[in-house]
Amino acid sequence: MIAATITRPEAVAARPALRLGLIDHALARWTEAQAEAIVQLKRDLAVVISAEALFTLMDLLGLDAEDAIASAVRTATALTRAALGPVGPD
């Protein structure tokens, strides 16, 4: 998909945005109360919740899949806490 995005940018709109739906669902209870913070948090989480992020952690940094996922979860948790404060157990 990355190669197609670069070589055929017209195909970008056809990419499924599954992560955006998951992020919307996860943050649904906060959307009205903290609208501006939520908009930026959704952008931030979209970067973390991506194949590209996992490729970087695994291919470039040498993490195995389990450690790469754990790293992404820690990053997403840190972003969420920074934007919204504590949101649940560690």
N, C-alpha and C. Protein backbone atom coordinates (compact mmCIF):
# COMPACT_ATOMS: atom_id res chain seq x y z
N MET A 1 0.82 -1.19 0.00
CA MET A 1 0.00 0.00 0.00
C MET A 1 0.86 1.25 0.00
N ILE A 2 1.98 1.19 0.70
CA ILE A 2 2.85 2.36 0.73
C ILE A 2 3.37 2.65 -0.68
N ALA A 3 3.81 1.62 -1.37
CA ALA A 3 4.31 1.80 -2.74
C ALA A 3 3.22 2.34 -3.64
N ALA A 4 2.01 1.83 -3.50
CA ALA A 4 0.91 2.31 -4.34
C ALA A 4 0.59 3.77 -4.04
N THR A 5 0.68 4.16 -2.78
CA THR A 5 0.42 5.54 -2.41
C THR A 5 1.42 6.47 -3.08
N ILE A 6 2.66 6.02 -3.17
CA ILE A 6 3.71 6.85 -3.77
C ILE A 6 3.60 6.85 -5.29
N THR A 7 3.39 5.68 -5.88
CA THR A 7 3.40 5.57 -7.34
C THR A 7 2.05 5.87 -7.98
N ARG A 8 0.97 5.69 -7.22
CA ARG A 8 -0.38 5.94 -7.75
C ARG A 8 -1.21 6.70 -6.71
N PRO A 9 -0.91 7.97 -6.50
CA PRO A 9 -1.60 8.73 -5.46
C PRO A 9 -3.12 8.80 -5.64
N GLU A 10 -3.57 8.61 -6.87
CA GLU A 10 -5.03 8.61 -7.09
C GLU A 10 -5.71 7.44 -6.39
N ALA A 11 -4.98 6.42 -6.04
CA ALA A 11 -5.53 5.24 -5.37
C ALA A 11 -5.63 5.43 -3.85
N VAL A 12 -5.08 6.50 -3.33
CA VAL A 12 -5.06 6.71 -1.88
C VAL A 12 -6.46 6.72 -1.30
N ALA A 13 -7.39 7.36 -1.95
CA ALA A 13 -8.76 7.44 -1.43
C ALA A 13 -9.39 6.06 -1.32
N ALA A 14 -8.91 5.09 -2.06
CA ALA A 14 -9.49 3.75 -2.03
C ALA A 14 -9.00 2.93 -0.84
N ARG A 15 -7.97 3.40 -0.14
CA ARG A 15 -7.46 2.66 1.01
C ARG A 15 -8.50 2.65 2.12
N PRO A 16 -8.73 1.51 2.73
CA PRO A 16 -9.67 1.46 3.84
C PRO A 16 -9.09 2.19 5.05
N ALA A 17 -9.95 2.86 5.78
CA ALA A 17 -9.51 3.61 6.97
C ALA A 17 -10.03 2.92 8.22
N LEU A 18 -9.76 1.64 8.33
CA LEU A 18 -10.28 0.86 9.45
C LEU A 18 -9.81 1.40 10.79
N ARG A 19 -8.57 1.84 10.87
CA ARG A 19 -8.06 2.34 12.16
C ARG A 19 -8.83 3.55 12.62
N LEU A 20 -9.30 4.39 11.69
CA LEU A 20 -10.04 5.59 12.08
C LEU A 20 -11.36 5.23 12.74
N GLY A 21 -12.02 4.21 12.25
CA GLY A 21 -13.25 3.75 12.89
C GLY A 21 -13.00 3.19 14.27
N LEU A 22 -11.91 2.46 14.43
CA LEU A 22 -11.55 1.92 15.74
C LEU A 22 -11.23 3.04 16.72
N ILE A 23 -10.49 4.03 16.26
CA ILE A 23 -10.15 5.17 17.11
C ILE A 23 -11.42 5.94 17.49
N ASP A 24 -12.30 6.19 16.53
CA ASP A 24 -13.58 6.87 16.83
C ASP A 24 -14.37 6.11 17.88
N HIS A 25 -14.43 4.81 17.74
CA HIS A 25 -15.16 3.99 18.70
C HIS A 25 -14.54 4.08 20.10
N ALA A 26 -13.22 3.98 20.16
CA ALA A 26 -12.53 4.01 21.45
C ALA A 26 -12.68 5.34 22.16
N LEU A 27 -12.79 6.42 21.40
CA LEU A 27 -12.86 7.75 22.00
C LEU A 27 -14.26 8.35 22.00
N ALA A 28 -15.26 7.57 21.67
CA ALA A 28 -16.62 8.09 21.52
C ALA A 28 -17.13 8.81 22.76
N ARG A 29 -16.81 8.34 23.93
CA ARG A 29 -17.37 8.97 25.13
C ARG A 29 -16.77 10.33 25.43
N TRP A 30 -15.65 10.68 24.79
CA TRP A 30 -15.03 11.97 25.05
C TRP A 30 -15.28 13.02 23.96
N THR A 31 -15.84 12.66 22.86
CA THR A 31 -15.88 13.56 21.71
C THR A 31 -16.59 14.88 21.98
N GLU A 32 -17.65 14.89 22.73
CA GLU A 32 -18.38 16.13 22.95
C GLU A 32 -17.72 17.01 24.00
N ALA A 33 -17.20 16.41 25.05
CA ALA A 33 -16.66 17.17 26.17
C ALA A 33 -15.33 17.86 25.84
N GLN A 34 -14.49 17.22 25.05
CA GLN A 34 -13.16 17.75 24.78
C GLN A 34 -12.87 17.71 23.29
N ALA A 35 -13.71 18.36 22.52
CA ALA A 35 -13.67 18.23 21.06
C ALA A 35 -12.31 18.55 20.45
N GLU A 36 -11.69 19.66 20.82
CA GLU A 36 -10.42 20.04 20.20
C GLU A 36 -9.31 19.04 20.55
N ALA A 37 -9.24 18.63 21.79
CA ALA A 37 -8.23 17.66 22.21
C ALA A 37 -8.44 16.33 21.51
N ILE A 38 -9.68 15.94 21.32
CA ILE A 38 -10.00 14.66 20.68
C ILE A 38 -9.58 14.67 19.21
N VAL A 39 -9.82 15.76 18.52
CA VAL A 39 -9.43 15.84 17.10
C VAL A 39 -7.94 15.61 16.95
N GLN A 40 -7.13 16.28 17.78
CA GLN A 40 -5.68 16.10 17.69
C GLN A 40 -5.27 14.71 18.15
N LEU A 41 -5.90 14.20 19.20
CA LEU A 41 -5.58 12.86 19.68
C LEU A 41 -5.87 11.82 18.60
N LYS A 42 -6.96 11.96 17.88
CA LYS A 42 -7.27 11.02 16.79
C LYS A 42 -6.17 11.04 15.73
N ARG A 43 -5.66 12.22 15.41
CA ARG A 43 -4.56 12.32 14.44
C ARG A 43 -3.32 11.62 14.98
N ASP A 44 -3.01 11.88 16.25
CA ASP A 44 -1.83 11.29 16.87
C ASP A 44 -1.93 9.76 16.90
N LEU A 45 -3.08 9.25 17.29
CA LEU A 45 -3.26 7.80 17.36
C LEU A 45 -3.24 7.15 15.99
N ALA A 46 -3.70 7.85 14.97
CA ALA A 46 -3.68 7.31 13.61
C ALA A 46 -2.25 7.02 13.15
N VAL A 47 -1.30 7.80 13.64
CA VAL A 47 0.11 7.56 13.31
C VAL A 47 0.62 6.32 14.02
N VAL A 48 0.23 6.16 15.27
CA VAL A 48 0.73 5.05 16.09
C VAL A 48 0.09 3.73 15.69
N ILE A 49 -1.19 3.78 15.35
CA ILE A 49 -1.94 2.56 15.01
C ILE A 49 -1.86 2.37 13.50
N SER A 50 -0.70 1.91 13.05
CA SER A 50 -0.50 1.76 11.62
C SER A 50 0.51 0.66 11.33
N ALA A 51 0.38 0.10 10.17
CA ALA A 51 1.37 -0.90 9.74
C ALA A 51 2.75 -0.27 9.65
N GLU A 52 2.80 0.99 9.22
CA GLU A 52 4.08 1.67 9.08
C GLU A 52 4.81 1.76 10.42
N ALA A 53 4.07 2.05 11.49
CA ALA A 53 4.68 2.12 12.82
C ALA A 53 5.25 0.77 13.22
N LEU A 54 4.49 -0.29 12.97
CA LEU A 54 4.98 -1.63 13.31
C LEU A 54 6.16 -2.03 12.44
N PHE A 55 6.15 -1.66 11.16
CA PHE A 55 7.30 -1.96 10.29
C PHE A 55 8.56 -1.28 10.83
N THR A 56 8.42 -0.05 11.26
CA THR A 56 9.57 0.67 11.81
C THR A 56 10.11 -0.04 13.05
N LEU A 57 9.22 -0.40 13.95
CA LEU A 57 9.64 -1.06 15.18
C LEU A 57 10.27 -2.42 14.93
N MET A 58 9.73 -3.15 13.97
CA MET A 58 10.23 -4.50 13.71
C MET A 58 11.42 -4.50 12.75
N ASP A 59 11.27 -3.87 11.61
CA ASP A 59 12.30 -3.94 10.58
C ASP A 59 13.52 -3.08 10.89
N LEU A 60 13.28 -1.88 11.37
CA LEU A 60 14.40 -0.97 11.60
C LEU A 60 14.98 -1.07 13.00
N LEU A 61 14.12 -1.36 13.99
CA LEU A 61 14.59 -1.41 15.37
C LEU A 61 14.76 -2.83 15.89
N GLY A 62 14.37 -3.83 15.10
CA GLY A 62 14.63 -5.22 15.43
C GLY A 62 13.76 -5.84 16.51
N LEU A 63 12.61 -5.22 16.81
CA LEU A 63 11.72 -5.81 17.81
C LEU A 63 10.96 -6.97 17.22
N ASP A 64 10.61 -7.96 18.05
CA ASP A 64 9.72 -9.01 17.57
C ASP A 64 8.29 -8.46 17.61
N ALA A 65 7.35 -9.19 17.05
CA ALA A 65 5.98 -8.69 16.91
C ALA A 65 5.36 -8.33 18.26
N GLU A 66 5.57 -9.17 19.25
CA GLU A 66 4.97 -8.92 20.57
C GLU A 66 5.52 -7.63 21.19
N ASP A 67 6.82 -7.44 21.11
CA ASP A 67 7.43 -6.23 21.67
C ASP A 67 7.05 -4.99 20.87
N ALA A 68 6.91 -5.13 19.56
CA ALA A 68 6.48 -4.00 18.73
C ALA A 68 5.07 -3.57 19.09
N ILE A 69 4.18 -4.53 19.26
CA ILE A 69 2.81 -4.21 19.65
C ILE A 69 2.78 -3.56 21.03
N ALA A 70 3.55 -4.10 21.97
CA ALA A 70 3.61 -3.52 23.31
C ALA A 70 4.12 -2.08 23.27
N SER A 71 5.09 -1.81 22.42
CA SER A 71 5.61 -0.46 22.28
C SER A 71 4.54 0.48 21.71
N ALA A 72 3.81 0.03 20.71
CA ALA A 72 2.74 0.84 20.14
C ALA A 72 1.65 1.12 21.16
N VAL A 73 1.32 0.12 21.97
CA VAL A 73 0.31 0.30 23.02
C VAL A 73 0.79 1.33 24.04
N ARG A 74 2.06 1.23 24.46
CA ARG A 74 2.60 2.21 25.41
C ARG A 74 2.54 3.62 24.84
N THR A 75 2.88 3.76 23.57
CA THR A 75 2.85 5.07 22.93
C THR A 75 1.43 5.61 22.84
N ALA A 76 0.49 4.77 22.42
CA ALA A 76 -0.91 5.20 22.33
C ALA A 76 -1.45 5.58 23.70
N THR A 77 -1.08 4.82 24.73
CA THR A 77 -1.52 5.12 26.10
C THR A 77 -0.94 6.45 26.56
N ALA A 78 0.33 6.69 26.29
CA ALA A 78 0.96 7.94 26.69
C ALA A 78 0.31 9.14 25.99
N LEU A 79 0.04 9.00 24.71
CA LEU A 79 -0.64 10.07 23.97
C LEU A 79 -2.02 10.35 24.54
N THR A 80 -2.75 9.29 24.83
CA THR A 80 -4.11 9.44 25.35
C THR A 80 -4.08 10.10 26.72
N ARG A 81 -3.18 9.66 27.59
CA ARG A 81 -3.07 10.27 28.92
C ARG A 81 -2.66 11.74 28.83
N ALA A 82 -1.76 12.05 27.92
CA ALA A 82 -1.33 13.44 27.76
C ALA A 82 -2.49 14.32 27.31
N ALA A 83 -3.35 13.78 26.46
CA ALA A 83 -4.48 14.56 25.94
C ALA A 83 -5.66 14.61 26.89
N LEU A 84 -5.92 13.50 27.60
CA LEU A 84 -7.16 13.39 28.38
C LEU A 84 -6.97 13.16 29.87
N GLY A 85 -5.75 12.90 30.29
CA GLY A 85 -5.51 12.52 31.68
C GLY A 85 -5.66 11.03 31.84
N PRO A 86 -5.52 10.51 33.06
CA PRO A 86 -5.63 9.06 33.30
C PRO A 86 -6.98 8.54 32.81
N VAL A 87 -6.94 7.39 32.11
CA VAL A 87 -8.17 6.85 31.53
C VAL A 87 -8.42 5.40 31.91
N GLY A 88 -7.68 4.88 32.83
CA GLY A 88 -7.91 3.50 33.22
C GLY A 88 -6.65 2.85 33.72
N PRO A 89 -6.71 1.54 33.95
CA PRO A 89 -5.54 0.83 34.48
C PRO A 89 -4.39 0.80 33.47
N ASP A 90 -3.18 0.67 34.00
CA ASP A 90 -1.99 0.59 33.13
C ASP A 90 -1.96 -0.70 32.36
